[in-house]
């Protein structure tokens, strides 16, 4: 007598396997949509902090539920219509609601105080502002100041457009770790 499985046990095994696969996909979708997501960086607008094709982990829930946005946070967001783009952007928060922001003589000022920006290697060539960031909005800029399509071009970013805050870089392996603030 052979040890062949009965059709009933094979069907049960396949049904259980299908159930496991469906649960795994559902959990993955929930995690990626609402909690945490891995992102590949498609542009150089955040150089030198984030290199082209780096991969980062983005927190999509905890910063909204338990924290708050701060100067220096690197966020992922849906661009406003004035940006004429459909893909998500990643930029650094420079101005919070109520902040007076100005770029003068290659230096960024927040509330008339020079902003320390050790992560910027090529300071902005153009003056900007002064402007005041409105309620429920932030002002974002890429670290690659002269090659970044950001709030200086398309205006303030509504906070509701922010989908997540970067936690750390996980690829390439020789650059794993927290991102500069």
N, C-alpha and C. Protein backbone atom coordinates (compact mmCIF):
# COMPACT_ATOMS: atom_id res chain seq x y z
N UNK A 1 0.83 -1.18 0.00
CA UNK A 1 0.00 0.00 0.00
C UNK A 1 0.87 1.24 0.00
N UNK A 2 0.60 2.20 -0.84
CA UNK A 2 1.38 3.43 -0.95
C UNK A 2 0.90 4.47 0.05
N UNK A 3 1.68 5.52 0.23
CA UNK A 3 1.35 6.61 1.15
C UNK A 3 0.80 7.80 0.38
N UNK A 4 0.07 7.58 -0.65
CA UNK A 4 -0.46 8.69 -1.43
C UNK A 4 -1.55 9.41 -0.66
N UNK A 5 -1.57 10.75 -0.79
CA UNK A 5 -2.55 11.57 -0.08
C UNK A 5 -3.90 11.43 -0.76
N UNK A 6 -4.92 11.49 0.05
CA UNK A 6 -6.26 11.41 -0.51
C UNK A 6 -6.61 12.74 -1.17
N UNK A 7 -7.53 12.72 -2.12
CA UNK A 7 -7.95 13.98 -2.76
C UNK A 7 -8.50 14.96 -1.74
N UNK A 8 -9.13 14.46 -0.70
CA UNK A 8 -9.70 15.32 0.34
C UNK A 8 -8.60 16.04 1.11
N UNK A 9 -7.52 15.34 1.47
CA UNK A 9 -6.43 15.98 2.22
C UNK A 9 -5.64 16.93 1.33
N UNK A 10 -5.50 16.62 0.06
CA UNK A 10 -4.83 17.53 -0.88
C UNK A 10 -5.63 18.81 -1.04
N UNK A 11 -6.93 18.70 -1.16
CA UNK A 11 -7.79 19.88 -1.28
C UNK A 11 -7.72 20.73 -0.01
N UNK A 12 -7.70 20.08 1.15
CA UNK A 12 -7.61 20.81 2.42
C UNK A 12 -6.26 21.56 2.51
N UNK A 13 -5.19 20.87 2.10
CA UNK A 13 -3.87 21.50 2.11
C UNK A 13 -3.84 22.72 1.20
N UNK A 14 -4.38 22.60 0.00
CA UNK A 14 -4.40 23.72 -0.95
C UNK A 14 -5.26 24.87 -0.43
N UNK A 15 -6.37 24.55 0.21
CA UNK A 15 -7.24 25.58 0.78
C UNK A 15 -6.52 26.32 1.92
N UNK A 16 -5.82 25.57 2.77
CA UNK A 16 -5.06 26.19 3.87
C UNK A 16 -3.93 27.05 3.32
N UNK A 17 -3.26 26.56 2.29
CA UNK A 17 -2.19 27.33 1.66
C UNK A 17 -2.73 28.63 1.07
N UNK A 18 -3.85 28.55 0.38
CA UNK A 18 -4.49 29.74 -0.18
C UNK A 18 -4.86 30.72 0.92
N UNK A 19 -5.39 30.21 2.02
CA UNK A 19 -5.76 31.06 3.15
C UNK A 19 -4.54 31.78 3.72
N UNK A 20 -3.43 31.08 3.87
CA UNK A 20 -2.20 31.68 4.39
C UNK A 20 -1.69 32.77 3.45
N UNK A 21 -1.70 32.50 2.15
CA UNK A 21 -1.24 33.47 1.17
C UNK A 21 -2.13 34.71 1.18
N UNK A 22 -3.45 34.53 1.24
CA UNK A 22 -4.37 35.67 1.27
C UNK A 22 -4.18 36.51 2.53
N UNK A 23 -4.01 35.86 3.67
CA UNK A 23 -3.78 36.60 4.92
C UNK A 23 -2.47 37.36 4.85
N UNK A 24 -1.44 36.73 4.30
CA UNK A 24 -0.14 37.42 4.17
C UNK A 24 -0.26 38.65 3.27
N UNK A 25 -0.95 38.53 2.15
CA UNK A 25 -1.15 39.68 1.26
C UNK A 25 -1.96 40.77 1.95
N UNK A 26 -3.00 40.38 2.66
CA UNK A 26 -3.83 41.37 3.36
C UNK A 26 -3.02 42.11 4.43
N UNK A 27 -2.26 41.37 5.22
CA UNK A 27 -1.41 42.02 6.25
C UNK A 27 -0.38 42.93 5.61
N UNK A 28 0.22 42.47 4.53
CA UNK A 28 1.22 43.29 3.84
C UNK A 28 0.58 44.58 3.32
N UNK A 29 -0.59 44.48 2.74
CA UNK A 29 -1.28 45.66 2.23
C UNK A 29 -1.62 46.63 3.36
N UNK A 30 -2.14 46.13 4.47
CA UNK A 30 -2.48 46.99 5.61
C UNK A 30 -1.22 47.67 6.15
N UNK A 31 -0.15 46.90 6.34
CA UNK A 31 1.11 47.48 6.83
C UNK A 31 1.60 48.57 5.90
N UNK A 32 1.67 48.27 4.61
CA UNK A 32 2.22 49.22 3.63
C UNK A 32 1.34 50.45 3.46
N UNK A 33 0.03 50.28 3.52
CA UNK A 33 -0.89 51.39 3.30
C UNK A 33 -1.02 52.29 4.51
N UNK A 34 -1.02 51.72 5.70
CA UNK A 34 -1.37 52.51 6.88
C UNK A 34 -0.27 52.64 7.94
N UNK A 35 0.74 51.78 7.96
CA UNK A 35 1.67 51.79 9.09
C UNK A 35 3.10 52.11 8.69
N UNK A 36 3.69 51.32 7.83
CA UNK A 36 5.11 51.51 7.49
C UNK A 36 5.32 51.06 6.05
N UNK A 37 6.23 51.75 5.37
CA UNK A 37 6.44 51.45 3.96
C UNK A 37 7.91 51.63 3.59
N UNK A 38 8.38 50.76 2.72
CA UNK A 38 9.72 50.90 2.16
C UNK A 38 9.60 51.72 0.88
N UNK A 39 10.50 52.68 0.70
CA UNK A 39 10.47 53.55 -0.49
C UNK A 39 11.84 53.59 -1.14
N UNK A 40 11.84 53.58 -2.47
CA UNK A 40 13.05 53.78 -3.26
C UNK A 40 13.07 55.24 -3.70
N UNK A 41 14.19 55.91 -3.54
CA UNK A 41 14.30 57.33 -3.87
C UNK A 41 14.61 57.48 -5.36
N UNK A 42 13.68 58.11 -6.12
CA UNK A 42 13.83 58.17 -7.58
C UNK A 42 14.59 59.37 -8.12
N UNK A 43 14.86 60.39 -7.28
CA UNK A 43 15.51 61.60 -7.78
C UNK A 43 16.66 62.01 -6.86
N UNK A 44 17.41 62.99 -7.30
CA UNK A 44 18.53 63.50 -6.51
C UNK A 44 18.21 64.76 -5.74
N UNK A 45 16.95 65.08 -5.53
CA UNK A 45 16.59 66.33 -4.87
C UNK A 45 17.01 66.39 -3.40
N UNK A 46 17.31 65.24 -2.79
CA UNK A 46 17.71 65.22 -1.38
C UNK A 46 19.20 64.94 -1.20
N UNK A 47 19.98 65.04 -2.30
CA UNK A 47 21.43 64.88 -2.18
C UNK A 47 22.00 65.97 -1.29
N UNK A 48 22.98 65.74 -0.50
CA UNK A 48 23.72 64.50 -0.32
C UNK A 48 23.12 63.59 0.76
N UNK A 49 22.07 64.02 1.45
CA UNK A 49 21.50 63.24 2.55
C UNK A 49 21.01 61.88 2.08
N UNK A 50 20.24 61.88 1.00
CA UNK A 50 19.70 60.65 0.44
C UNK A 50 20.14 60.58 -1.02
N UNK A 51 20.81 59.49 -1.35
CA UNK A 51 21.33 59.31 -2.70
C UNK A 51 20.25 58.73 -3.61
N UNK A 52 20.41 58.94 -4.90
CA UNK A 52 19.54 58.36 -5.91
C UNK A 52 19.52 56.84 -5.72
N UNK A 53 18.34 56.25 -5.70
CA UNK A 53 18.11 54.81 -5.53
C UNK A 53 18.34 54.29 -4.12
N UNK A 54 18.60 55.15 -3.13
CA UNK A 54 18.61 54.69 -1.75
C UNK A 54 17.21 54.19 -1.41
N UNK A 55 17.14 53.37 -0.39
CA UNK A 55 15.85 52.88 0.08
C UNK A 55 15.67 53.27 1.54
N UNK A 56 14.49 53.80 1.85
CA UNK A 56 14.21 54.28 3.20
C UNK A 56 12.93 53.64 3.73
N UNK A 57 12.82 53.61 5.05
CA UNK A 57 11.60 53.15 5.71
C UNK A 57 10.82 54.40 6.13
N UNK A 58 9.53 54.40 5.80
CA UNK A 58 8.66 55.55 6.06
C UNK A 58 7.58 55.16 7.07
N UNK A 59 7.51 55.92 8.17
CA UNK A 59 6.47 55.76 9.19
C UNK A 59 5.22 56.47 8.69
N UNK A 60 4.11 55.75 8.59
CA UNK A 60 2.89 56.34 8.05
C UNK A 60 1.80 56.57 9.09
N UNK A 61 2.04 56.14 10.34
CA UNK A 61 0.98 56.27 11.33
C UNK A 61 1.44 56.93 12.62
N UNK A 62 2.58 56.53 13.16
CA UNK A 62 2.96 56.97 14.49
C UNK A 62 3.21 58.47 14.57
N UNK A 63 3.78 59.06 13.53
CA UNK A 63 4.02 60.51 13.58
C UNK A 63 2.70 61.27 13.59
N UNK A 64 1.66 60.72 12.96
CA UNK A 64 0.36 61.39 12.94
C UNK A 64 -0.40 61.20 14.25
N UNK A 65 -0.31 59.99 14.81
CA UNK A 65 -1.09 59.66 15.99
C UNK A 65 -0.41 60.07 17.30
N UNK A 66 0.91 59.94 17.37
CA UNK A 66 1.59 60.10 18.65
C UNK A 66 2.65 61.20 18.68
N UNK A 67 2.98 61.71 17.54
CA UNK A 67 4.04 62.71 17.50
C UNK A 67 3.56 63.97 16.84
N UNK A 68 4.50 64.73 16.39
CA UNK A 68 4.19 65.94 15.66
C UNK A 68 5.31 66.17 14.66
N UNK A 69 5.07 67.06 13.74
CA UNK A 69 6.08 67.38 12.75
C UNK A 69 7.04 68.40 13.34
N UNK A 70 8.30 68.28 12.97
CA UNK A 70 9.33 69.17 13.49
C UNK A 70 10.19 69.70 12.35
N UNK A 71 10.86 70.81 12.61
CA UNK A 71 11.85 71.31 11.66
C UNK A 71 12.87 70.19 11.44
N UNK A 72 13.25 69.99 10.18
CA UNK A 72 14.26 68.98 9.86
C UNK A 72 13.71 67.61 9.54
N UNK A 73 12.44 67.35 9.83
CA UNK A 73 11.86 66.05 9.47
C UNK A 73 11.89 65.89 7.96
N UNK A 74 12.21 64.68 7.51
CA UNK A 74 12.15 64.36 6.09
C UNK A 74 10.85 63.60 5.87
N UNK A 75 9.99 64.16 5.02
CA UNK A 75 8.64 63.61 4.85
C UNK A 75 8.37 63.19 3.41
N UNK A 76 7.46 62.24 3.28
CA UNK A 76 6.95 61.81 1.98
C UNK A 76 5.54 62.38 1.87
N UNK A 77 5.18 62.89 0.69
CA UNK A 77 3.89 63.54 0.55
C UNK A 77 3.38 63.51 -0.88
N UNK A 78 2.06 63.67 -0.98
CA UNK A 78 1.43 63.87 -2.29
C UNK A 78 1.65 65.33 -2.65
N UNK A 79 2.25 65.61 -3.79
CA UNK A 79 2.48 67.01 -4.15
C UNK A 79 1.17 67.75 -4.38
N UNK A 80 1.14 69.04 -4.06
CA UNK A 80 -0.07 69.82 -4.34
C UNK A 80 -0.26 69.97 -5.85
N UNK A 81 -1.47 70.31 -6.28
CA UNK A 81 -1.72 70.45 -7.72
C UNK A 81 -0.77 71.42 -8.41
N UNK A 82 -0.34 72.46 -7.69
CA UNK A 82 0.56 73.46 -8.29
C UNK A 82 1.92 72.88 -8.65
N UNK A 83 2.25 71.69 -8.15
CA UNK A 83 3.53 71.05 -8.48
C UNK A 83 3.46 70.31 -9.81
N UNK A 84 2.25 70.12 -10.34
CA UNK A 84 2.05 69.44 -11.63
C UNK A 84 2.77 68.09 -11.66
N UNK A 85 2.59 67.30 -10.60
CA UNK A 85 3.21 65.98 -10.50
C UNK A 85 2.21 65.01 -9.88
N UNK A 86 2.39 63.74 -10.17
CA UNK A 86 1.50 62.73 -9.60
C UNK A 86 2.22 61.79 -8.65
N UNK A 87 3.53 61.61 -8.81
CA UNK A 87 4.29 60.73 -7.93
C UNK A 87 4.60 61.44 -6.62
N UNK A 88 4.65 60.69 -5.52
CA UNK A 88 4.99 61.26 -4.22
C UNK A 88 6.37 61.89 -4.25
N UNK A 89 6.54 62.94 -3.43
CA UNK A 89 7.82 63.63 -3.26
C UNK A 89 8.38 63.29 -1.88
N UNK A 90 9.67 63.51 -1.72
CA UNK A 90 10.32 63.42 -0.42
C UNK A 90 11.16 64.67 -0.25
N UNK A 91 10.92 65.41 0.85
CA UNK A 91 11.64 66.67 1.10
C UNK A 91 11.78 66.86 2.61
N UNK A 92 12.52 67.89 2.98
CA UNK A 92 12.75 68.22 4.38
C UNK A 92 11.85 69.38 4.79
N UNK A 93 11.24 69.27 5.97
CA UNK A 93 10.43 70.37 6.50
C UNK A 93 11.37 71.45 7.01
N UNK A 94 11.23 72.64 6.45
CA UNK A 94 12.05 73.78 6.85
C UNK A 94 11.21 74.78 7.65
N UNK A 95 9.94 74.95 7.27
CA UNK A 95 9.08 75.90 7.95
C UNK A 95 7.80 75.25 8.42
N UNK A 96 7.42 75.55 9.67
CA UNK A 96 6.18 75.06 10.28
C UNK A 96 5.14 76.18 10.29
N UNK A 97 3.88 75.85 10.55
CA UNK A 97 2.84 76.89 10.58
C UNK A 97 3.22 78.06 11.50
N UNK A 98 3.10 79.27 10.95
CA UNK A 98 3.42 80.48 11.71
C UNK A 98 4.86 80.94 11.59
N UNK A 99 5.75 80.10 11.05
CA UNK A 99 7.15 80.49 10.88
C UNK A 99 7.29 81.54 9.79
N UNK A 100 8.16 82.51 10.05
CA UNK A 100 8.59 83.46 9.01
C UNK A 100 9.84 82.86 8.40
N UNK A 101 9.85 82.70 7.09
CA UNK A 101 10.96 82.07 6.40
C UNK A 101 11.52 83.00 5.34
N UNK A 102 12.84 83.03 5.25
CA UNK A 102 13.49 83.85 4.24
C UNK A 102 14.83 83.22 3.88
N UNK A 103 15.19 83.30 2.61
CA UNK A 103 16.52 82.91 2.17
C UNK A 103 17.18 84.19 1.65
N UNK A 104 18.27 84.56 2.29
CA UNK A 104 18.95 85.81 1.95
C UNK A 104 20.45 85.57 2.00
N UNK A 105 21.15 85.94 0.93
CA UNK A 105 22.61 85.78 0.85
C UNK A 105 23.04 84.35 1.16
N UNK A 106 22.34 83.37 0.58
CA UNK A 106 22.65 81.94 0.67
C UNK A 106 22.36 81.33 2.04
N UNK A 107 21.71 82.06 2.92
CA UNK A 107 21.41 81.56 4.27
C UNK A 107 19.90 81.52 4.45
N UNK A 108 19.40 80.42 5.01
CA UNK A 108 17.98 80.28 5.31
C UNK A 108 17.74 80.80 6.72
N UNK A 109 16.74 81.65 6.86
CA UNK A 109 16.36 82.21 8.16
C UNK A 109 14.96 81.73 8.52
N UNK A 110 14.81 81.30 9.76
CA UNK A 110 13.51 80.96 10.32
C UNK A 110 13.29 81.91 11.48
N UNK A 111 12.21 82.69 11.40
CA UNK A 111 11.90 83.68 12.43
C UNK A 111 13.11 84.57 12.73
N UNK A 112 13.75 85.03 11.65
CA UNK A 112 14.89 85.94 11.68
C UNK A 112 16.16 85.35 12.28
N UNK A 113 16.20 84.02 12.49
CA UNK A 113 17.38 83.35 13.01
C UNK A 113 17.96 82.46 11.92
N UNK A 114 19.29 82.52 11.71
CA UNK A 114 19.89 81.66 10.68
C UNK A 114 19.69 80.18 11.04
N UNK A 115 19.34 79.39 10.05
CA UNK A 115 19.09 77.98 10.24
C UNK A 115 20.38 77.21 10.01
N UNK A 116 20.76 76.37 10.96
CA UNK A 116 21.93 75.51 10.79
C UNK A 116 21.53 74.36 9.88
N UNK A 117 22.20 74.24 8.75
CA UNK A 117 21.87 73.21 7.76
C UNK A 117 23.13 72.44 7.35
N UNK A 118 23.68 71.63 8.25
CA UNK A 118 24.91 70.89 7.91
C UNK A 118 24.71 69.87 6.80
N UNK A 119 23.48 69.51 6.50
CA UNK A 119 23.15 68.53 5.48
C UNK A 119 23.13 69.14 4.08
N UNK A 120 23.23 70.47 3.96
CA UNK A 120 23.21 71.14 2.66
C UNK A 120 24.65 71.46 2.26
N UNK A 121 25.06 70.96 1.10
CA UNK A 121 26.43 71.25 0.66
C UNK A 121 26.48 72.41 -0.33
N UNK A 122 25.40 72.63 -1.06
CA UNK A 122 25.36 73.70 -2.04
C UNK A 122 24.21 74.64 -1.68
N UNK A 123 24.52 75.73 -1.01
CA UNK A 123 23.50 76.68 -0.51
C UNK A 123 22.69 77.25 -1.67
N UNK A 124 21.47 77.66 -1.36
CA UNK A 124 20.57 78.22 -2.36
C UNK A 124 21.19 79.45 -3.02
N UNK A 125 21.15 79.50 -4.34
CA UNK A 125 21.73 80.62 -5.08
C UNK A 125 20.82 81.84 -5.10
N UNK A 126 19.52 81.60 -4.93
CA UNK A 126 18.55 82.69 -5.05
C UNK A 126 17.96 83.09 -3.70
N UNK A 127 17.69 84.39 -3.56
CA UNK A 127 16.97 84.87 -2.38
C UNK A 127 15.51 84.48 -2.52
N UNK A 128 14.84 84.40 -1.37
CA UNK A 128 13.43 84.01 -1.36
C UNK A 128 12.77 84.63 -0.13
N UNK A 129 11.54 85.10 -0.30
CA UNK A 129 10.76 85.60 0.84
C UNK A 129 11.13 87.03 1.19
N UNK A 130 10.74 87.44 2.37
CA UNK A 130 10.19 86.63 3.47
C UNK A 130 8.72 86.28 3.25
N UNK A 131 8.36 85.11 3.80
CA UNK A 131 6.98 84.63 3.77
C UNK A 131 6.65 84.08 5.16
N UNK A 132 5.36 83.96 5.44
CA UNK A 132 4.92 83.33 6.69
C UNK A 132 4.13 82.08 6.31
N UNK A 133 4.50 80.95 6.91
CA UNK A 133 3.84 79.68 6.62
C UNK A 133 2.44 79.71 7.24
N UNK A 134 1.41 79.47 6.42
CA UNK A 134 0.05 79.52 6.95
C UNK A 134 -0.29 78.30 7.83
N UNK A 135 -1.36 78.47 8.59
CA UNK A 135 -1.88 77.40 9.43
C UNK A 135 -2.15 76.17 8.56
N UNK A 136 -1.93 74.98 9.11
CA UNK A 136 -2.19 73.70 8.45
C UNK A 136 -1.32 73.46 7.22
N UNK A 137 -0.17 74.15 7.13
CA UNK A 137 0.76 73.95 6.02
C UNK A 137 2.18 73.92 6.56
N UNK A 138 3.09 73.42 5.74
CA UNK A 138 4.51 73.47 6.03
C UNK A 138 5.23 73.96 4.78
N UNK A 139 6.48 74.32 4.95
CA UNK A 139 7.33 74.73 3.84
C UNK A 139 8.43 73.69 3.75
N UNK A 140 8.58 73.05 2.59
CA UNK A 140 9.55 71.97 2.42
C UNK A 140 10.55 72.34 1.33
N UNK A 141 11.78 71.86 1.52
CA UNK A 141 12.81 72.03 0.49
C UNK A 141 13.65 70.76 0.43
N UNK A 142 14.17 70.50 -0.76
CA UNK A 142 15.13 69.42 -0.91
C UNK A 142 16.49 69.87 -0.42
N UNK A 143 17.31 68.93 0.06
CA UNK A 143 18.65 69.28 0.53
C UNK A 143 19.55 69.71 -0.62
N UNK A 144 19.26 69.26 -1.81
CA UNK A 144 19.99 69.66 -3.02
C UNK A 144 19.32 70.96 -3.51
N UNK A 145 19.57 72.03 -2.78
CA UNK A 145 18.80 73.26 -2.90
C UNK A 145 18.68 73.83 -4.30
N UNK A 146 19.68 73.69 -5.11
CA UNK A 146 19.63 74.28 -6.45
C UNK A 146 19.10 73.32 -7.51
N UNK A 147 18.72 72.12 -7.10
CA UNK A 147 18.15 71.13 -8.02
C UNK A 147 16.98 70.43 -7.35
N UNK A 148 16.07 71.20 -6.80
CA UNK A 148 14.92 70.63 -6.11
C UNK A 148 13.66 71.42 -6.45
N UNK A 149 12.65 70.71 -6.90
CA UNK A 149 11.34 71.29 -7.15
C UNK A 149 10.59 71.21 -5.82
N UNK A 150 10.46 72.34 -5.11
CA UNK A 150 9.92 72.31 -3.75
C UNK A 150 9.04 73.53 -3.48
N UNK A 151 8.80 73.83 -2.22
CA UNK A 151 7.89 74.92 -1.84
C UNK A 151 8.30 76.27 -2.41
N UNK A 152 9.57 76.46 -2.73
CA UNK A 152 9.98 77.72 -3.34
C UNK A 152 9.39 77.87 -4.73
N UNK A 153 9.06 76.75 -5.37
CA UNK A 153 8.52 76.75 -6.72
C UNK A 153 6.99 76.67 -6.71
N UNK A 154 6.43 75.73 -5.96
CA UNK A 154 4.99 75.47 -6.02
C UNK A 154 4.21 75.86 -4.78
N UNK A 155 4.87 76.44 -3.80
CA UNK A 155 4.14 76.98 -2.65
C UNK A 155 4.10 76.05 -1.44
N UNK A 156 3.22 76.40 -0.52
CA UNK A 156 3.13 75.69 0.75
C UNK A 156 2.54 74.29 0.55
N UNK A 157 2.94 73.39 1.43
CA UNK A 157 2.45 72.02 1.40
C UNK A 157 1.40 71.86 2.50
N UNK A 158 0.15 71.53 2.13
CA UNK A 158 -0.84 71.26 3.16
C UNK A 158 -0.41 70.04 4.00
N UNK A 159 -0.49 70.15 5.31
CA UNK A 159 -0.09 69.06 6.19
C UNK A 159 -0.85 67.78 5.85
N UNK A 160 -2.09 67.91 5.44
CA UNK A 160 -2.90 66.73 5.11
C UNK A 160 -2.32 65.93 3.94
N UNK A 161 -1.44 66.52 3.14
CA UNK A 161 -0.81 65.81 2.02
C UNK A 161 0.35 64.92 2.46
N UNK A 162 0.82 65.10 3.68
CA UNK A 162 1.96 64.31 4.17
C UNK A 162 1.47 62.90 4.46
N UNK A 163 2.13 61.92 3.83
CA UNK A 163 1.74 60.52 4.02
C UNK A 163 2.66 59.79 4.97
N UNK A 164 3.85 60.33 5.25
CA UNK A 164 4.75 59.66 6.17
C UNK A 164 6.01 60.44 6.42
N UNK A 165 6.73 60.00 7.47
CA UNK A 165 8.01 60.61 7.84
C UNK A 165 9.06 59.51 7.78
N UNK A 166 10.20 59.82 7.18
CA UNK A 166 11.24 58.80 7.05
C UNK A 166 11.81 58.46 8.42
N UNK A 167 12.07 57.17 8.61
CA UNK A 167 12.68 56.71 9.86
C UNK A 167 14.18 56.49 9.68
N UNK A 168 14.54 55.74 8.64
CA UNK A 168 15.96 55.47 8.40
C UNK A 168 16.16 54.90 7.00
N UNK A 169 17.43 54.90 6.60
CA UNK A 169 17.81 54.31 5.31
C UNK A 169 18.21 52.85 5.59
N UNK A 170 17.73 51.92 4.76
CA UNK A 170 18.11 50.52 4.93
C UNK A 170 18.92 49.97 3.76
N UNK A 171 19.07 50.78 2.71
CA UNK A 171 19.88 50.35 1.56
C UNK A 171 20.47 51.55 0.89
N UNK A 172 21.72 51.51 0.53
CA UNK A 172 22.65 50.40 0.53
C UNK A 172 23.15 50.09 1.95
N UNK A 173 23.60 48.87 2.11
CA UNK A 173 23.98 48.39 3.44
C UNK A 173 25.08 49.22 4.10
N UNK A 174 25.98 49.78 3.30
CA UNK A 174 27.07 50.57 3.90
C UNK A 174 26.61 51.97 4.34
N UNK A 175 25.33 52.30 4.12
CA UNK A 175 24.78 53.57 4.57
C UNK A 175 23.54 53.41 5.45
N UNK A 176 23.35 52.23 6.02
CA UNK A 176 22.19 51.97 6.86
C UNK A 176 22.24 52.89 8.07
N UNK A 177 21.09 53.47 8.42
CA UNK A 177 21.03 54.28 9.63
C UNK A 177 20.07 55.44 9.50
N UNK A 178 20.02 56.22 10.58
CA UNK A 178 19.14 57.40 10.63
C UNK A 178 19.62 58.44 9.63
N UNK A 179 18.69 59.25 9.16
CA UNK A 179 19.01 60.33 8.23
C UNK A 179 19.31 61.61 9.00
N UNK A 180 20.20 62.42 8.49
CA UNK A 180 20.63 63.65 9.17
C UNK A 180 19.47 64.60 9.38
N UNK A 181 19.45 65.22 10.55
CA UNK A 181 18.43 66.23 10.89
C UNK A 181 19.11 67.56 11.03
